Amino acid sequence: MDEQPAGEGIRARTRRGSIGARWWSRRFIDLVESFADAGRLQRGRAYARKGNVFDLRVEAYEVTAKVRGSAPEPYEVALGIEAIDEDGWRAVEAELASRALFRARLLAGEMPPEIEWVFAELGLALFPDSASDLHLMCDCPDWGDPCKHAAAVLYLLAEAFDDDPFLILQWNGRRRDQLLGALRRASATGPDPLEMPDEPLTAEGFWTPPSGLARLRERPPAPPVPPGFVLQVAAPPPVRVRRRALTDVLAPVYEALAGQDED
């Protein structure tokens, strides 16, 4: 059966090449492309650029959309991720509130690249980093993972992240107003960690470890940062080496350096 013509759906802004412009959307797409079928992803990009996807909604732990395909009725697609529970979110909010720079940038509507490390330090993941972390559901007859309909939604979700990075947090279970409300309350009621105390500094106080450092020692060790992580989160420079992107050339160098550290 021939596919239905594209309707008035959401069209990807990028007509060629990679989809996703900001560091957080590129990080998401790079992870998806590292474990998903390349052929289906290519067909999904074509669907995303034709406007076959509509009614894209981001809710806690699930993204839903409809995609026009070969059937008379559009297919229903859902993208699920593992939930960050309430205790996990309270820990994230407390950590972000304790760091003045993070707090200021988030309240200004920015998403600092280092925020992913904050989640990692607490044993949490901001992005799905393996196929088992991403649950793709579509009522089409294709059993591929992902099918081209789910792949199209993944790419348009990345562009939605470009427009509003707080949708990443909403997908993980925290709405923008909830997170920023917690940070504002911390700003209004808690001391700024960068301010010096009013009390005079005594020898006893000088040598006593602050409670914040004591709490840091009780945390579980942070998971190791993968080799070449900076290449994944930083905007790629417009430099090519023998027609290859500079980041592709440097990636094996980072891998080799990481191997030397382990010896």
C-alpha atoms as a PDB file:
ATOM      1  CA  MET A   1       0.000   0.000   0.000  1.00  0.00           C
ATOM      2  CA  ASP A   2       1.297   3.476  -0.846  1.00  0.00           C
ATOM      3  CA  GLU A   3       2.069   5.830   1.979  1.00  0.00           C
ATOM      4  CA  GLN A   4      -0.343   8.612   2.711  1.00  0.00           C
ATOM      5  CA  PRO A   5       0.886  12.063   1.650  1.00  0.00           C
ATOM      6  CA  ALA A   6       2.377  14.180   4.369  1.00  0.00           C
ATOM      7  CA  GLY A   7      -0.164  16.288   6.169  1.00  0.00           C
ATOM      8  CA  GLU A   8       0.173  19.544   8.020  1.00  0.00           C
ATOM      9  CA  GLY A   9       2.483  17.967  10.528  1.00  0.00           C
ATOM     10  CA  ILE A  10       5.666  19.168  12.182  1.00  0.00           C
ATOM     11  CA  ARG A  11       8.507  19.535   9.703  1.00  0.00           C
ATOM     12  CA  ALA A  12      12.122  19.316  10.793  1.00  0.00           C
ATOM     13  CA  ARG A  13      13.853  22.664  10.314  1.00  0.00           C
ATOM     14  CA  THR A  14      17.076  21.117   9.001  1.00  0.00           C
ATOM     15  CA  ARG A  15      16.523  19.879   5.464  1.00  0.00           C
ATOM     16  CA  ARG A  16      19.901  18.097   5.193  1.00  0.00           C
ATOM     17  CA  GLY A  17      22.556  16.724   7.515  1.00  0.00           C
ATOM     18  CA  SER A  18      22.242  16.365  11.264  1.00  0.00           C
ATOM     19  CA  ILE A  19      19.119  17.265  13.225  1.00  0.00           C
ATOM     20  CA  GLY A  20      19.575  19.094  16.512  1.00  0.00           C
ATOM     21  CA  ALA A  21      21.468  22.366  16.987  1.00  0.00           C
ATOM     22  CA  ARG A  22      22.140  22.833  20.713  1.00  0.00           C
ATOM     23  CA  TRP A  23      24.452  20.723  22.871  1.00  0.00           C
ATOM     24  CA  TRP A  24      21.611  18.966  24.683  1.00  0.00           C
ATOM     25  CA  SER A  25      19.739  17.943  21.526  1.00  0.00           C
ATOM     26  CA  ARG A  26      22.972  16.811  19.845  1.00  0.00           C
ATOM     27  CA  ARG A  27      23.871  14.794  22.938  1.00  0.00           C
ATOM     28  CA  PHE A  28      20.450  13.107  22.801  1.00  0.00           C
ATOM     29  CA  ILE A  29      20.654  12.333  19.070  1.00  0.00           C
ATOM     30  CA  ASP A  30      24.268  11.138  19.269  1.00  0.00           C
ATOM     31  CA  LEU A  31      23.272   8.647  21.968  1.00  0.00           C
ATOM     32  CA  VAL A  32      20.248   7.432  19.983  1.00  0.00           C
ATOM     33  CA  GLU A  33      22.312   7.035  16.813  1.00  0.00           C
ATOM     34  CA  SER A  34      24.941   5.066  18.741  1.00  0.00           C
ATOM     35  CA  PHE A  35      22.574   2.172  19.443  1.00  0.00           C
ATOM     36  CA  ALA A  36      19.674   2.410  16.947  1.00  0.00           C
ATOM     37  CA  ASP A  37      19.418   0.917  13.453  1.00  0.00           C
ATOM     38  CA  ALA A  38      20.966   3.356  10.965  1.00  0.00           C
ATOM     39  CA  GLY A  39      18.612   2.470   8.097  1.00  0.00           C
ATOM     40  CA  ARG A  40      15.453   3.052  10.094  1.00  0.00           C
ATOM     41  CA  LEU A  41      16.879   6.253  11.499  1.00  0.00           C
ATOM     42  CA  GLN A  42      17.490   7.501   7.965  1.00  0.00           C
ATOM     43  CA  ARG A  43      13.891   6.758   6.993  1.00  0.00           C
ATOM     44  CA  GLY A  44      12.754   8.429  10.214  1.00  0.00           C
ATOM     45  CA  ARG A  45      14.655  11.609   9.287  1.00  0.00           C
ATOM     46  CA  ALA A  46      12.865  11.609   5.926  1.00  0.00           C
ATOM     47  CA  TYR A  47       9.500  11.294   7.684  1.00  0.00           C
ATOM     48  CA  ALA A  48      10.431  14.123  10.055  1.00  0.00           C
ATOM     49  CA  ARG A  49      11.341  16.389   7.120  1.00  0.00           C
ATOM     50  CA  LYS A  50       8.169  15.554   5.161  1.00  0.00           C
ATOM     51  CA  GLY A  51       5.846  16.644   7.966  1.00  0.00           C
ATOM     52  CA  ASN A  52       4.438  13.190   8.731  1.00  0.00           C
ATOM     53  CA  VAL A  53       4.524  13.731  12.516  1.00  0.00           C
ATOM     54  CA  PHE A  54       1.910  15.702  14.418  1.00  0.00           C
ATOM     55  CA  ASP A  55       0.436  16.079  17.886  1.00  0.00           C
ATOM     56  CA  LEU A  56       3.838  15.742  19.597  1.00  0.00           C
ATOM     57  CA  ARG A  57       3.427  15.934  23.385  1.00  0.00           C
ATOM     58  CA  VAL A  58       6.077  15.726  26.112  1.00  0.00           C
ATOM     59  CA  GLU A  59       4.882  14.487  29.490  1.00  0.00           C
ATOM     60  CA  ALA A  60       6.596  12.978  32.506  1.00  0.00           C
ATOM     61  CA  TYR A  61       8.393   9.780  31.416  1.00  0.00           C
ATOM     62  CA  GLU A  62       6.565   9.584  28.067  1.00  0.00           C
ATOM     63  CA  VAL A  63       6.512  11.410  24.741  1.00  0.00           C
ATOM     64  CA  THR A  64       3.551  10.720  22.462  1.00  0.00           C
ATOM     65  CA  ALA A  65       2.878  11.602  18.832  1.00  0.00           C
ATOM     66  CA  LYS A  66       0.976  10.506  15.740  1.00  0.00           C
ATOM     67  CA  VAL A  67       2.742   9.637  12.497  1.00  0.00           C
ATOM     68  CA  ARG A  68       1.262   9.245   9.030  1.00  0.00           C
ATOM     69  CA  GLY A  69       2.433   6.128   7.249  1.00  0.00           C
ATOM     70  CA  SER A  70       1.003   3.491   4.925  1.00  0.00           C
ATOM     71  CA  ALA A  71      -2.244   2.935   6.854  1.00  0.00           C
ATOM     72  CA  PRO A  72      -5.335   5.107   6.434  1.00  0.00           C
ATOM     73  CA  GLU A  73      -5.116   6.171  10.050  1.00  0.00           C
ATOM     74  CA  PRO A  74      -1.927   7.593  11.606  1.00  0.00           C
ATOM     75  CA  TYR A  75       0.160   5.385  13.840  1.00  0.00           C
ATOM     76  CA  GLU A  76       0.353   6.051  17.568  1.00  0.00           C
ATOM     77  CA  VAL A  77       3.909   6.393  18.892  1.00  0.00           C
ATOM     78  CA  ALA A  78       5.108   6.579  22.498  1.00  0.00           C
ATOM     79  CA  LEU A  79       8.681   7.062  23.733  1.00  0.00           C
ATOM     80  CA  GLY A  80       9.228   6.098  27.373  1.00  0.00           C
ATOM     81  CA  ILE A  81      12.215   6.416  29.688  1.00  0.00           C
ATOM     82  CA  GLU A  82      13.023   5.170  33.171  1.00  0.00           C
ATOM     83  CA  ALA A  83      11.527   7.338  35.890  1.00  0.00           C
ATOM     84  CA  ILE A  84      13.569   9.527  38.213  1.00  0.00           C
ATOM     85  CA  ASP A  85      11.617   9.208  41.450  1.00  0.00           C
ATOM     86  CA  GLU A  86      10.710  11.977  43.874  1.00  0.00           C
ATOM     87  CA  ASP A  87      13.694  11.309  46.125  1.00  0.00           C
ATOM     88  CA  GLY A  88      15.997  11.533  43.137  1.00  0.00           C
ATOM     89  CA  TRP A  89      14.531  14.849  42.050  1.00  0.00           C
ATOM     90  CA  ARG A  90      14.797  16.287  45.560  1.00  0.00           C
ATOM     91  CA  ALA A  91      18.488  15.359  45.565  1.00  0.00           C
ATOM     92  CA  VAL A  92      18.965  16.980  42.134  1.00  0.00           C
ATOM     93  CA  GLU A  93      17.185  20.170  43.213  1.00  0.00           C
ATOM     94  CA  ALA A  94      19.215  20.402  46.404  1.00  0.00           C
ATOM     95  CA  GLU A  95      22.461  19.961  44.489  1.00  0.00           C
ATOM     96  CA  LEU A  96      21.562  22.511  41.819  1.00  0.00           C
ATOM     97  CA  ALA A  97      20.390  24.995  44.452  1.00  0.00           C
ATOM     98  CA  SER A  98      23.694  24.629  46.332  1.00  0.00           C
ATOM     99  CA  ARG A  99      25.683  25.749  43.281  1.00  0.00           C
ATOM    100  CA  ALA A 100      25.185  29.448  42.606  1.00  0.00           C
ATOM    101  CA  LEU A 101      26.230  29.275  38.945  1.00  0.00           C
ATOM    102  CA  PHE A 102      23.858  26.429  38.112  1.00  0.00           C
ATOM    103  CA  ARG A 103      21.031  28.120  39.970  1.00  0.00           C
ATOM    104  CA  ALA A 104      21.564  31.445  38.186  1.00  0.00           C
ATOM    105  CA  ARG A 105      21.777  29.932  34.709  1.00  0.00           C
ATOM    106  CA  LEU A 106      18.701  27.741  35.135  1.00  0.00           C
ATOM    107  CA  LEU A 107      16.672  30.641  36.520  1.00  0.00           C
ATOM    108  CA  ALA A 108      17.761  32.604  33.446  1.00  0.00           C
ATOM    109  CA  GLY A 109      16.357  29.839  31.229  1.00  0.00           C
ATOM    110  CA  GLU A 110      19.716  28.350  30.240  1.00  0.00           C
ATOM    111  CA  MET A 111      20.802  24.712  30.343  1.00  0.00           C
ATOM    112  CA  PRO A 112      24.454  24.467  31.476  1.00  0.00           C
ATOM    113  CA  PRO A 113      26.369  21.601  29.816  1.00  0.00           C
ATOM    114  CA  GLU A 114      27.700  20.453  33.193  1.00  0.00           C
ATOM    115  CA  ILE A 115      24.177  19.670  34.427  1.00  0.00           C
ATOM    116  CA  GLU A 116      24.570  16.132  33.068  1.00  0.00           C
ATOM    117  CA  TRP A 117      27.477  15.613  35.478  1.00  0.00           C
ATOM    118  CA  VAL A 118      25.281  16.663  38.426  1.00  0.00           C
ATOM    119  CA  PHE A 119      22.850  13.877  37.564  1.00  0.00           C
ATOM    120  CA  ALA A 120      25.736  11.408  37.101  1.00  0.00           C
ATOM    121  CA  GLU A 121      27.222  12.301  40.494  1.00  0.00           C
ATOM    122  CA  LEU A 122      23.902  11.321  42.065  1.00  0.00           C
ATOM    123  CA  GLY A 123      23.749   8.045  40.124  1.00  0.00           C
ATOM    124  CA  LEU A 124      21.021   9.353  37.786  1.00  0.00           C
ATOM    125  CA  ALA A 125      20.868   9.702  34.002  1.00  0.00           C
ATOM    126  CA  LEU A 126      19.566  12.782  32.203  1.00  0.00           C
ATOM    127  CA  PHE A 127      19.560  11.044  28.806  1.00  0.00           C
ATOM    128  CA  PRO A 128      18.917   7.421  27.828  1.00  0.00           C
ATOM    129  CA  ASP A 129      22.370   6.052  27.013  1.00  0.00           C
ATOM    130  CA  SER A 130      21.449   2.558  25.844  1.00  0.00           C
ATOM    131  CA  ALA A 131      18.657   0.833  23.972  1.00  0.00           C
ATOM    132  CA  SER A 132      17.349  -0.671  27.214  1.00  0.00           C
ATOM    133  CA  ASP A 133      16.863   2.825  28.687  1.00  0.00           C
ATOM    134  CA  LEU A 134      14.556   3.931  25.878  1.00  0.00           C
ATOM    135  CA  HIS A 135      11.187   2.212  25.438  1.00  0.00           C
ATOM    136  CA  LEU A 136       9.803   2.717  21.917  1.00  0.00           C
ATOM    137  CA  MET A 137       6.203   1.793  21.178  1.00  0.00           C
ATOM    138  CA  CYS A 138       4.324   2.070  17.884  1.00  0.00           C
ATOM    139  CA  ASP A 139       1.208   0.281  16.673  1.00  0.00           C
ATOM    140  CA  CYS A 140       2.614  -0.217  13.156  1.00  0.00           C
ATOM    141  CA  PRO A 141       3.414  -3.775  11.954  1.00  0.00           C
ATOM    142  CA  ASP A 142       7.180  -3.104  11.851  1.00  0.00           C
ATOM    143  CA  TRP A 143       8.942  -4.798  14.777  1.00  0.00           C
ATOM    144  CA  GLY A 144      12.131  -2.804  14.244  1.00  0.00           C
ATOM    145  CA  ASP A 145      13.607  -0.922  17.157  1.00  0.00           C
ATOM    146  CA  PRO A 146      13.094   1.834  16.319  1.00  0.00           C
ATOM    147  CA  CYS A 147      10.608   1.668  13.488  1.00  0.00           C
ATOM    148  CA  LYS A 148      10.752   4.626  11.109  1.00  0.00           C
ATOM    149  CA  HIS A 149       7.727   6.223  12.811  1.00  0.00           C
ATOM    150  CA  ALA A 150       9.370   6.200  16.243  1.00  0.00           C
ATOM    151  CA  ALA A 151      12.630   7.389  14.653  1.00  0.00           C
ATOM    152  CA  ALA A 152      10.831  10.388  13.133  1.00  0.00           C
ATOM    153  CA  VAL A 153       9.454  11.307  16.554  1.00  0.00           C
ATOM    154  CA  LEU A 154      12.921  11.004  18.116  1.00  0.00           C
ATOM    155  CA  TYR A 155      14.356  13.514  15.635  1.00  0.00           C
ATOM    156  CA  LEU A 156      11.529  15.999  16.074  1.00  0.00           C
ATOM    157  CA  LEU A 157      11.826  15.599  19.841  1.00  0.00           C
ATOM    158  CA  ALA A 158      15.460  16.727  19.507  1.00  0.00           C
ATOM    159  CA  GLU A 159      14.314  19.880  17.712  1.00  0.00           C
ATOM    160  CA  ALA A 160      11.735  20.449  20.441  1.00  0.00           C
ATOM    161  CA  PHE A 161      14.628  20.240  22.915  1.00  0.00           C
ATOM    162  CA  ASP A 162      16.390  22.931  20.839  1.00  0.00           C
ATOM    163  CA  ASP A 163      13.420  25.245  21.385  1.00  0.00           C
ATOM    164  CA  ASP A 164      12.932  24.433  25.071  1.00  0.00           C
ATOM    165  CA  PRO A 165      15.682  22.541  26.950  1.00  0.00           C
ATOM    166  CA  PHE A 166      13.410  22.226  29.967  1.00  0.00           C
ATOM    167  CA  LEU A 167      11.424  19.629  28.029  1.00  0.00           C
ATOM    168  CA  ILE A 168      14.328  17.254  28.751  1.00  0.00           C
ATOM    169  CA  LEU A 169      13.685  17.676  32.463  1.00  0.00           C
ATOM    170  CA  GLN A 170       9.918  17.413  31.934  1.00  0.00           C
ATOM    171  CA  TRP A 171      10.404  14.078  30.139  1.00  0.00           C
ATOM    172  CA  ASN A 172      12.431  12.963  33.155  1.00  0.00           C
ATOM    173  CA  GLY A 173       9.584  13.868  35.504  1.00  0.00           C
ATOM    174  CA  ARG A 174      10.123  17.519  36.515  1.00  0.00           C
ATOM    175  CA  ARG A 175       8.221  20.397  34.961  1.00  0.00           C
ATOM    176  CA  ARG A 176       9.996  23.707  34.446  1.00  0.00           C
ATOM    177  CA  ASP A 177       7.829  25.505  37.023  1.00  0.00           C
ATOM    178  CA  GLN A 178       8.471  22.804  39.627  1.00  0.00           C
ATOM    179  CA  LEU A 179      12.252  22.935  39.246  1.00  0.00           C
ATOM    180  CA  LEU A 180      12.537  26.720  39.070  1.00  0.00           C
ATOM    181  CA  GLY A 181      10.139  27.095  41.997  1.00  0.00           C
ATOM    182  CA  ALA A 182      12.400  24.887  44.121  1.00  0.00           C
ATOM    183  CA  LEU A 183      15.470  26.907  43.080  1.00  0.00           C
ATOM    184  CA  ARG A 184      13.750  30.223  43.832  1.00  0.00           C
ATOM    185  CA  ARG A 185      12.725  28.991  47.270  1.00  0.00           C
ATOM    186  CA  ALA A 186      16.319  27.958  47.928  1.00  0.00           C
ATOM    187  CA  SER A 187      17.516  31.400  46.812  1.00  0.00           C
ATOM    188  CA  ALA A 188      15.039  33.140  49.112  1.00  0.00           C
ATOM    189  CA  THR A 189      15.556  31.018  52.224  1.00  0.00           C
ATOM    190  CA  GLY A 190      19.018  29.497  52.031  1.00  0.00           C
ATOM    191  CA  PRO A 191      22.434  31.127  52.360  1.00  0.00           C
ATOM    192  CA  ASP A 192      24.426  31.761  49.222  1.00  0.00           C
ATOM    193  CA  PRO A 193      27.323  29.254  49.255  1.00  0.00           C
ATOM    194  CA  LEU A 194      29.648  31.906  47.820  1.00  0.00           C
ATOM    195  CA  GLU A 195      29.084  34.365  50.682  1.00  0.00           C
ATOM    196  CA  MET A 196      31.536  34.481  53.583  1.00  0.00           C
ATOM    197  CA  PRO A 197      30.110  33.955  57.092  1.00  0.00           C
ATOM    198  CA  ASP A 198      29.542  36.993  59.296  1.00  0.00           C
ATOM    199  CA  GLU A 199      31.293  35.399  62.308  1.00  0.00           C
ATOM    200  CA  PRO A 200      35.019  36.017  62.742  1.00  0.00           C
ATOM    201  CA  LEU A 201      37.165  33.113  61.561  1.00  0.00           C
ATOM    202  CA  THR A 202      38.715  31.209  64.464  1.00  0.00           C
ATOM    203  CA  ALA A 203      41.420  28.572  64.449  1.00  0.00           C
ATOM    204  CA  GLU A 204      38.850  25.951  65.377  1.00  0.00           C
ATOM    205  CA  GLY A 205      36.543  27.060  62.602  1.00  0.00           C
ATOM    206  CA  PHE A 206      39.407  27.235  60.115  1.00  0.00           C
ATOM    207  CA  TRP A 207      40.426  23.614  60.641  1.00  0.00           C
ATOM    208  CA  THR A 208      36.900  22.176  60.926  1.00  0.00           C
ATOM    209  CA  PRO A 209      35.740  20.673  57.602  1.00  0.00           C
ATOM    210  CA  PRO A 210      32.522  22.338  56.389  1.00  0.00           C
ATOM    211  CA  SER A 211      29.406  20.209  56.426  1.00  0.00           C
ATOM    212  CA  GLY A 212      29.094  20.410  52.642  1.00  0.00           C
ATOM    213  CA  LEU A 213      32.421  18.623  52.164  1.00  0.00           C
ATOM    214  CA  ALA A 214      31.480  16.057  54.757  1.00  0.00           C
ATOM    215  CA  ARG A 215      28.331  15.286  52.807  1.00  0.00           C
ATOM    216  CA  LEU A 216      30.334  14.955  49.611  1.00  0.00           C
ATOM    217  CA  ARG A 217      32.445  12.192  51.155  1.00  0.00           C
ATOM    218  CA  GLU A 218      29.304  10.192  51.930  1.00  0.00           C
ATOM    219  CA  ARG A 219      28.173  10.133  48.315  1.00  0.00           C
ATOM    220  CA  PRO A 220      28.713   7.068  46.162  1.00  0.00           C
ATOM    221  CA  PRO A 221      31.550   7.481  43.672  1.00  0.00           C
ATOM    222  CA  ALA A 222      30.492   9.215  40.485  1.00  0.00           C
ATOM    223  CA  PRO A 223      30.396   7.076  37.355  1.00  0.00           C
ATOM    224  CA  PRO A 224      33.397   7.703  35.093  1.00  0.00           C
ATOM    225  CA  VAL A 225      33.030  10.278  32.344  1.00  0.00           C
ATOM    226  CA  PRO A 226      33.260   8.464  28.989  1.00  0.00           C
ATOM    227  CA  PRO A 227      36.296   9.175  26.790  1.00  0.00           C
ATOM    228  CA  GLY A 228      35.694  12.089  24.459  1.00  0.00           C
ATOM    229  CA  PHE A 229      32.748  13.391  26.497  1.00  0.00           C
ATOM    230  CA  VAL A 230      33.769  16.971  25.699  1.00  0.00           C
ATOM    231  CA  LEU A 231      33.411  16.165  21.987  1.00  0.00           C
ATOM    232  CA  GLN A 232      29.819  15.112  22.601  1.00  0.00           C
ATOM    233  CA  VAL A 233      28.651  18.120  24.603  1.00  0.00           C
ATOM    234  CA  ALA A 234      30.583  20.935  22.884  1.00  0.00           C
ATOM    235  CA  ALA A 235      29.443  22.526  19.635  1.00  0.00           C
ATOM    236  CA  PRO A 236      31.461  20.880  16.827  1.00  0.00           C
ATOM    237  CA  PRO A 237      33.967  23.296  15.217  1.00  0.00           C
ATOM    238  CA  PRO A 238      33.583  23.906  11.457  1.00  0.00           C
ATOM    239  CA  VAL A 239      36.882  22.128  10.735  1.00  0.00           C
ATOM    240  CA  ARG A 240      37.385  19.042   8.574  1.00  0.00           C
ATOM    241  CA  VAL A 241      40.477  16.849   8.162  1.00  0.00           C
ATOM    242  CA  ARG A 242      40.533  15.059   4.819  1.00  0.00           C
ATOM    243  CA  ARG A 243      36.772  15.503   4.555  1.00  0.00           C
ATOM    244  CA  ARG A 244      36.194  14.108   8.051  1.00  0.00           C
ATOM    245  CA  ALA A 245      34.744  16.151  10.905  1.00  0.00           C
ATOM    246  CA  LEU A 246      37.361  17.168  13.455  1.00  0.00           C
ATOM    247  CA  THR A 247      35.396  15.482  16.257  1.00  0.00           C
ATOM    248  CA  ASP A 248      35.511  12.151  14.361  1.00  0.00           C
ATOM    249  CA  VAL A 249      39.287  12.498  13.987  1.00  0.00           C
ATOM    250  CA  LEU A 250      39.829  13.303  17.667  1.00  0.00           C
ATOM    251  CA  ALA A 251      37.517  10.596  19.082  1.00  0.00           C
ATOM    252  CA  PRO A 252      40.067   7.707  18.776  1.00  0.00           C
ATOM    253  CA  VAL A 253      42.719   9.938  20.366  1.00  0.00           C
ATOM    254  CA  TYR A 254      40.565  10.335  23.477  1.00  0.00           C
ATOM    255  CA  GLU A 255      39.938   6.574  23.509  1.00  0.00           C
ATOM    256  CA  ALA A 256      43.683   5.896  23.336  1.00  0.00           C
ATOM    257  CA  LEU A 257      44.440   8.361  26.134  1.00  0.00           C
ATOM    258  CA  ALA A 258      41.778   6.753  28.314  1.00  0.00           C
ATOM    259  CA  GLY A 259      43.398   3.361  27.713  1.00  0.00           C
ATOM    260  CA  GLN A 260      46.775   4.693  28.882  1.00  0.00           C
ATOM    261  CA  ASP A 261      45.197   5.940  32.118  1.00  0.00           C
ATOM    262  CA  GLU A 262      43.890   2.432  32.835  1.00  0.00           C
ATOM    263  CA  ASP A 263      47.318   0.755  32.361  1.00  0.00           C
END
